[in-house]
Amino acid sequence: MGTAVDTRSTLNRDGLTWEQHRHFSEHGWVLLEGVVEPELCQAIREATERLVGRFTCGRTRDPADRANTTAYRDAHMHDPVFYELYRIPGLLPAARQLIGHDRIRHMQSFSVITYPDRDRHAHPEVVNDRRMWGWHRSFRPKDIIKPHDTDPRLVHTSMLTMGMYFTPVSPEHGVTAILDRSHTYTGPLVEKDEDTWDAVEGRYEIVQPTAEAGSIVMFSESTVHAPAPIYSEQVRFAHFAWMAVPWFHRFGREPYLQDYFADEDLCDLFAPCVMDDNHL
């Protein structure tokens, strides 16, 4: 299993502290604890379960999860409770800090139910084979990691992932595994996840934060990461959202009647991508 990391930090209404941004710049990720209130965690878990019989996209086809994960793309399109995640005080300011742009865009999101790995008792050697965990990243650092405008100790990432966990997480409970500091890895993108592991094995430490329900891990999409297995009996509920600078091509769709939103932050967050200088 990965190394348990207890890096306690919280989120304030203005976003990240300098120390939190510095941790992200050095390590490629930052843990924010106690961000999602317990009532919202419960509401999100219930809404995610409702999607099972209504709008499910079914079991994922990623062989790394061995058919123990169900994911739902852009759940805000089906239940408005998911918009409340983006209204959490300080969350969007934190994303803007790390991305380095005031007008960030929502690219896509997945709400995920992950069940305990079915082979954890009978075939632990299969579950513990880290090569097959599904290590990946979407971009090389040269494409999305940028220096901060004024502080040479900080960086921005043009594509940011936010992993929101609505149950307690730890290496035992299957929290996302991250290769610490791998956002600086200059190697090429490869087609097979196991080839990624072969290229970086031994270069970086595996970290898996330990935190209570309602915690969020933000990491760059140049950071190598994997959907680690669940060894405990707990079912994990999570929501992964990708945010980016406004000129990135969107993977998902704008919500129906998005232009009628009363919340200006959400209206801009889910607006179409732009390329002209007047909007940048």
Protein backbone atom coordinates (compact mmCIF):
# COMPACT_ATOMS: atom_id res chain seq x y z
CA MET A 1 0.00 0.00 0.00
CA GLY A 2 1.03 3.62 -0.35
CA THR A 3 2.49 5.84 2.30
CA ALA A 4 -0.12 7.39 4.59
CA VAL A 5 0.31 11.15 4.63
CA ASP A 6 -1.27 13.29 7.33
CA THR A 7 -0.88 16.81 5.97
CA ARG A 8 -3.59 18.74 7.79
CA SER A 9 -4.81 21.89 6.15
CA THR A 10 -8.04 23.76 5.72
CA LEU A 11 -9.54 26.07 3.16
CA ASN A 12 -10.51 29.64 3.90
CA ARG A 13 -12.94 31.82 1.99
CA ASP A 14 -10.14 33.53 0.07
CA GLY A 15 -8.64 30.28 -1.15
CA LEU A 16 -5.23 28.83 -0.34
CA THR A 17 -2.58 30.18 1.95
CA TRP A 18 0.87 30.83 0.54
CA GLU A 19 2.10 27.69 2.33
CA GLN A 20 -0.59 25.56 0.69
CA HIS A 21 0.24 26.95 -2.76
CA ARG A 22 3.92 26.33 -2.03
CA HIS A 23 3.20 22.70 -1.09
CA PHE A 24 1.33 22.25 -4.36
CA SER A 25 4.21 23.85 -6.29
CA GLU A 26 6.78 21.52 -4.72
CA HIS A 27 4.78 18.29 -4.59
CA GLY A 28 2.21 18.59 -7.37
CA TRP A 29 -0.74 18.17 -4.98
CA VAL A 30 -2.26 19.64 -1.83
CA LEU A 31 -4.69 18.19 0.72
CA LEU A 32 -7.55 20.33 2.06
CA GLU A 33 -9.38 18.81 5.02
CA GLY A 34 -12.88 19.48 6.27
CA VAL A 35 -13.95 21.38 3.16
CA VAL A 36 -17.28 19.68 2.41
CA GLU A 37 -19.74 19.87 5.29
CA PRO A 38 -21.12 16.53 6.60
CA GLU A 39 -24.67 17.38 5.47
CA LEU A 40 -23.48 18.01 1.91
CA CYS A 41 -21.37 14.83 1.97
CA GLN A 42 -24.51 12.88 2.88
CA ALA A 43 -26.58 14.63 0.21
CA ILE A 44 -23.94 13.89 -2.44
CA ARG A 45 -23.73 10.22 -1.45
CA GLU A 46 -27.52 9.90 -1.70
CA ALA A 47 -27.62 11.72 -5.04
CA THR A 48 -24.86 9.53 -6.43
CA GLU A 49 -26.75 6.40 -5.44
CA ARG A 50 -29.89 7.73 -7.13
CA LEU A 51 -27.98 7.90 -10.38
CA VAL A 52 -27.45 4.14 -10.30
CA GLY A 53 -30.89 3.39 -11.65
CA ARG A 54 -31.36 6.51 -13.76
CA PHE A 55 -28.37 7.90 -15.61
CA THR A 56 -25.57 5.42 -14.99
CA CYS A 57 -22.82 5.07 -17.56
CA GLY A 58 -22.18 1.65 -16.04
CA ARG A 59 -19.06 -0.06 -14.87
CA THR A 60 -15.91 1.57 -16.10
CA ARG A 61 -13.93 -0.28 -18.74
CA ASP A 62 -10.59 0.53 -17.18
CA PRO A 63 -8.99 -2.88 -16.52
CA ALA A 64 -7.10 -1.37 -13.59
CA ASP A 65 -10.27 -1.20 -11.46
CA ARG A 66 -11.20 -4.86 -12.10
CA ALA A 67 -14.90 -3.88 -12.41
CA ASN A 68 -15.32 -2.45 -8.91
CA THR A 69 -16.06 1.14 -9.94
CA THR A 70 -19.18 2.86 -11.23
CA ALA A 71 -18.75 6.39 -12.59
CA TYR A 72 -21.22 9.06 -13.70
CA ARG A 73 -20.09 11.80 -16.04
CA ASP A 74 -21.12 15.39 -15.29
CA ALA A 75 -23.58 14.52 -12.52
CA HIS A 76 -24.59 18.19 -12.20
CA MET A 77 -26.51 17.66 -15.43
CA HIS A 78 -28.79 15.23 -13.58
CA ASP A 79 -29.01 16.52 -10.00
CA PRO A 80 -28.49 20.18 -9.00
CA VAL A 81 -27.09 19.21 -5.59
CA PHE A 82 -23.72 18.73 -7.29
CA TYR A 83 -23.58 22.45 -8.03
CA GLU A 84 -23.32 23.03 -4.28
CA LEU A 85 -19.80 21.60 -4.40
CA TYR A 86 -18.71 24.50 -6.58
CA ARG A 87 -20.36 27.00 -4.22
CA ILE A 88 -18.21 25.95 -1.26
CA PRO A 89 -16.57 29.14 0.06
CA GLY A 90 -12.97 29.38 -1.10
CA LEU A 91 -13.04 26.43 -3.51
CA LEU A 92 -13.12 28.35 -6.78
CA PRO A 93 -10.67 30.99 -5.47
CA ALA A 94 -8.27 28.14 -4.63
CA ALA A 95 -8.66 26.67 -8.11
CA ARG A 96 -8.04 30.07 -9.68
CA GLN A 97 -4.86 30.45 -7.61
CA LEU A 98 -3.45 27.12 -8.77
CA ILE A 99 -4.52 27.53 -12.39
CA GLY A 100 -3.32 31.12 -12.53
CA HIS A 101 -6.36 32.61 -14.25
CA ASP A 102 -9.45 34.43 -12.95
CA ARG A 103 -11.84 32.94 -15.51
CA ILE A 104 -11.36 29.21 -15.14
CA ARG A 105 -13.57 26.67 -16.89
CA HIS A 106 -15.12 23.37 -15.80
CA MET A 107 -13.86 20.74 -18.24
CA GLN A 108 -15.64 17.62 -17.05
CA SER A 109 -16.42 15.69 -13.88
CA PHE A 110 -17.12 12.17 -12.70
CA SER A 111 -19.03 11.06 -9.63
CA VAL A 112 -17.61 7.71 -8.59
CA ILE A 113 -18.71 4.83 -6.37
CA THR A 114 -15.80 2.47 -5.69
CA TYR A 115 -16.33 -0.88 -3.98
CA PRO A 116 -13.79 -2.95 -2.03
CA ASP A 117 -11.51 -4.83 -4.36
CA ARG A 118 -13.00 -8.25 -4.97
CA ASP A 119 -9.56 -9.95 -5.03
CA ARG A 120 -8.23 -8.40 -1.81
CA HIS A 121 -8.66 -11.60 0.25
CA ALA A 122 -8.31 -14.39 -2.28
CA HIS A 123 -5.56 -12.89 -4.43
CA PRO A 124 -3.74 -10.15 -2.48
CA GLU A 125 -0.74 -10.46 -4.79
CA VAL A 126 -2.94 -9.24 -7.65
CA VAL A 127 -4.28 -6.28 -5.68
CA ASN A 128 -0.83 -5.35 -4.41
CA ASP A 129 0.71 -5.31 -7.89
CA ARG A 130 1.27 -1.57 -8.15
CA ARG A 131 2.22 -1.86 -11.80
CA MET A 132 -1.42 -2.64 -12.57
CA TRP A 133 -3.02 0.13 -10.51
CA GLY A 134 -3.57 2.30 -13.57
CA TRP A 135 -0.91 5.02 -13.30
CA HIS A 136 -1.51 7.90 -15.69
CA ARG A 137 -1.44 11.63 -16.31
CA SER A 138 -2.92 13.75 -19.09
CA PHE A 139 -0.13 16.21 -19.84
CA ARG A 140 3.61 16.70 -19.61
CA PRO A 141 4.81 19.58 -17.42
CA LYS A 142 6.06 21.58 -20.38
CA ASP A 143 2.46 21.80 -21.61
CA ILE A 144 0.64 22.89 -18.44
CA ILE A 145 3.09 23.85 -15.66
CA LYS A 146 3.83 27.58 -15.72
CA PRO A 147 5.82 29.82 -13.38
CA HIS A 148 3.94 32.18 -11.11
CA ASP A 149 3.82 35.76 -12.37
CA THR A 150 5.55 37.31 -9.35
CA ASP A 151 6.77 34.55 -7.01
CA PRO A 152 9.51 32.24 -8.36
CA ARG A 153 8.76 29.73 -5.59
CA LEU A 154 5.25 29.05 -6.92
CA VAL A 155 3.85 27.48 -10.09
CA HIS A 156 0.51 27.29 -11.87
CA THR A 157 -1.06 24.37 -13.69
CA SER A 158 -3.29 25.00 -16.70
CA MET A 159 -5.26 21.80 -15.95
CA LEU A 160 -6.20 21.04 -12.34
CA THR A 161 -7.90 17.97 -10.90
CA MET A 162 -9.98 18.20 -7.74
CA GLY A 163 -10.67 14.89 -5.99
CA MET A 164 -13.51 15.35 -3.49
CA TYR A 165 -14.08 12.51 -1.01
CA PHE A 166 -17.39 12.04 0.82
CA THR A 167 -16.23 9.11 2.94
CA PRO A 168 -13.04 8.80 5.03
CA VAL A 169 -9.97 8.12 2.90
CA SER A 170 -6.63 6.46 3.54
CA PRO A 171 -4.44 3.85 1.83
CA GLU A 172 -6.72 1.21 3.36
CA HIS A 173 -9.86 2.95 2.06
CA GLY A 174 -8.59 3.42 -1.49
CA VAL A 175 -7.71 7.09 -1.71
CA THR A 176 -6.13 8.14 -5.01
CA ALA A 177 -2.42 7.28 -5.10
CA ILE A 178 -0.07 10.06 -6.18
CA LEU A 179 3.60 9.97 -7.12
CA ASP A 180 4.96 12.82 -5.05
CA ARG A 181 6.71 15.56 -7.10
CA SER A 182 6.03 13.73 -10.37
CA HIS A 183 4.46 16.87 -11.86
CA THR A 184 8.03 17.68 -12.89
CA TYR A 185 8.56 14.38 -14.73
CA THR A 186 9.55 15.26 -18.29
CA GLY A 187 9.10 11.81 -19.79
CA PRO A 188 6.64 11.16 -22.61
CA LEU A 189 3.00 10.21 -22.33
CA VAL A 190 2.48 6.52 -23.07
CA GLU A 191 -0.54 4.51 -24.16
CA LYS A 192 -0.43 1.77 -21.51
CA ASP A 193 -0.65 2.67 -17.82
CA GLU A 194 1.76 -0.09 -16.83
CA ASP A 195 4.37 1.46 -19.13
CA THR A 196 4.02 4.68 -17.16
CA TRP A 197 4.79 2.77 -13.96
CA ASP A 198 7.79 1.08 -15.55
CA ALA A 199 9.17 4.48 -16.54
CA VAL A 200 8.80 6.15 -13.13
CA GLU A 201 9.10 3.29 -10.62
CA GLY A 202 11.62 4.21 -7.94
CA ARG A 203 11.85 7.87 -8.96
CA TYR A 204 9.05 9.16 -6.77
CA GLU A 205 7.43 8.25 -3.46
CA ILE A 206 3.85 6.99 -3.49
CA VAL A 207 1.65 9.10 -1.24
CA GLN A 208 -1.96 8.48 -0.22
CA PRO A 209 -3.41 11.11 2.10
CA THR A 210 -5.36 10.08 5.18
CA ALA A 211 -8.34 12.34 5.88
CA GLU A 212 -11.93 12.42 7.06
CA ALA A 213 -14.99 12.66 4.84
CA GLY A 214 -15.31 16.07 3.19
CA SER A 215 -11.65 16.39 2.24
CA ILE A 216 -10.32 17.46 -1.15
CA VAL A 217 -7.05 16.71 -2.91
CA MET A 218 -6.07 19.12 -5.66
CA PHE A 219 -3.36 18.01 -8.07
CA SER A 220 -1.94 18.94 -11.44
CA GLU A 221 -2.80 16.79 -14.44
CA SER A 222 0.94 16.47 -15.05
CA THR A 223 1.19 14.58 -11.72
CA VAL A 224 1.26 10.80 -12.15
CA HIS A 225 -1.60 9.23 -10.17
CA ALA A 226 -3.66 6.04 -9.97
CA PRO A 227 -7.04 4.76 -8.68
CA ALA A 228 -5.68 2.63 -5.82
CA PRO A 229 -7.65 -0.42 -4.63
CA ILE A 230 -9.81 -0.51 -1.50
CA TYR A 231 -8.58 -3.05 1.07
CA SER A 232 -11.20 -2.28 3.74
CA GLU A 233 -14.94 -3.01 3.73
CA GLN A 234 -15.85 0.64 3.04
CA VAL A 235 -17.50 1.80 -0.18
CA ARG A 236 -15.88 5.05 -1.36
CA PHE A 237 -17.90 7.95 -2.73
CA ALA A 238 -15.94 10.61 -4.61
CA HIS A 239 -16.32 13.34 -7.19
CA PHE A 240 -13.51 14.29 -9.57
CA ALA A 241 -13.68 17.62 -11.37
CA TRP A 242 -11.23 18.99 -13.92
CA MET A 243 -10.72 22.76 -14.12
CA ALA A 244 -8.61 24.65 -16.66
CA VAL A 245 -7.72 27.95 -18.23
CA PRO A 246 -10.58 29.18 -20.45
CA TRP A 247 -8.97 28.28 -23.79
CA PHE A 248 -8.78 24.54 -23.11
CA HIS A 249 -11.07 22.37 -25.22
CA ARG A 250 -13.95 21.21 -23.05
CA PHE A 251 -14.50 17.47 -22.65
CA GLY A 252 -18.05 17.73 -21.31
CA ARG A 253 -21.12 19.79 -22.16
CA GLU A 254 -22.40 23.09 -20.83
CA PRO A 255 -25.46 22.55 -18.60
CA TYR A 256 -28.86 23.10 -20.11
CA LEU A 257 -29.94 26.74 -19.54
CA GLN A 258 -26.49 27.54 -18.17
CA ASP A 259 -26.90 31.14 -19.33
CA TYR A 260 -29.88 31.50 -16.95
CA PHE A 261 -27.86 30.78 -13.82
CA ALA A 262 -28.34 33.37 -11.09
CA ASP A 263 -24.95 32.52 -9.61
CA GLU A 264 -22.41 34.53 -11.63
CA ASP A 265 -19.51 32.31 -10.56
CA LEU A 266 -21.25 29.19 -11.84
CA CYS A 267 -22.41 30.95 -14.98
CA ASP A 268 -18.81 31.78 -15.87
CA LEU A 269 -17.41 28.45 -14.66
CA PHE A 270 -19.63 26.43 -17.00
CA ALA A 271 -19.57 28.93 -19.88
CA PRO A 272 -18.21 27.88 -23.30
CA CYS A 273 -14.47 28.00 -23.81
CA VAL A 274 -13.13 31.22 -25.31
CA MET A 275 -10.17 32.10 -27.51
CA ASP A 276 -10.44 35.84 -28.21
CA ASP A 277 -8.40 38.34 -26.23
CA ASN A 278 -11.49 40.26 -25.12
CA HIS A 279 -12.47 37.38 -22.84
CA LEU A 280 -9.02 36.48 -21.58
